[in-house]
Amino acid sequence: MADNFLERHRRDYEERKMTWLRKKKHLPKKNLHHIEKDNEYDS
């Protein structure tokens, strides 16, 4: 294997993870009330 193979892949992974987390924080939060309503009808 090439030198620094694992380090390079780890660095790339961390960059992708940071990008994903930044995008995730800007998404609207889902309302938990709708989930509870769905569960009431199943009972």
Protein backbone atom coordinates (compact mmCIF):
# COMPACT_ATOMS: atom_id res chain seq x y z
CA MET A 1 0.00 0.00 0.00
CA ALA A 2 1.00 3.57 -0.50
CA ASP A 3 2.41 5.61 2.35
CA ASN A 4 -0.18 7.46 4.45
CA PHE A 5 -3.03 5.50 2.86
CA LEU A 6 -5.03 5.20 6.08
CA GLU A 7 -4.30 8.75 7.16
CA ARG A 8 -5.45 10.12 3.81
CA HIS A 9 -8.67 8.10 3.89
CA ARG A 10 -9.34 9.13 7.49
CA ARG A 11 -8.84 12.79 6.58
CA ASP A 12 -11.20 12.47 3.60
CA TYR A 13 -13.78 10.75 5.79
CA GLU A 14 -13.60 13.50 8.41
CA GLU A 15 -14.07 16.18 5.73
CA ARG A 16 -17.12 14.40 4.30
CA LYS A 17 -18.52 13.98 7.80
CA MET A 18 -18.10 17.68 8.62
CA THR A 19 -19.82 18.65 5.37
CA TRP A 20 -22.70 16.28 6.08
CA LEU A 21 -23.12 17.59 9.64
CA ARG A 22 -23.16 21.20 8.42
CA LYS A 23 -25.90 20.38 5.90
CA LYS A 24 -27.84 18.40 8.51
CA LYS A 25 -27.94 21.35 10.91
CA HIS A 26 -29.69 23.52 8.31
CA LEU A 27 -32.52 21.06 7.67
CA PRO A 28 -35.87 21.82 9.29
CA LYS A 29 -36.60 19.72 12.33
CA LYS A 30 -39.40 17.20 11.98
CA ASN A 31 -42.35 17.61 14.27
CA LEU A 32 -42.58 14.70 16.72
CA HIS A 33 -46.30 15.34 17.22
CA HIS A 34 -47.09 13.73 13.87
CA ILE A 35 -45.23 10.58 14.84
CA GLU A 36 -47.22 10.33 18.07
CA LYS A 37 -50.51 10.72 16.16
CA ASP A 38 -49.58 7.92 13.79
CA ASN A 39 -48.85 5.63 16.73
CA GLU A 40 -52.26 6.39 18.31
CA TYR A 41 -54.10 5.15 15.24
CA ASP A 42 -52.12 1.90 15.16
CA SER A 43 -53.19 0.97 18.69
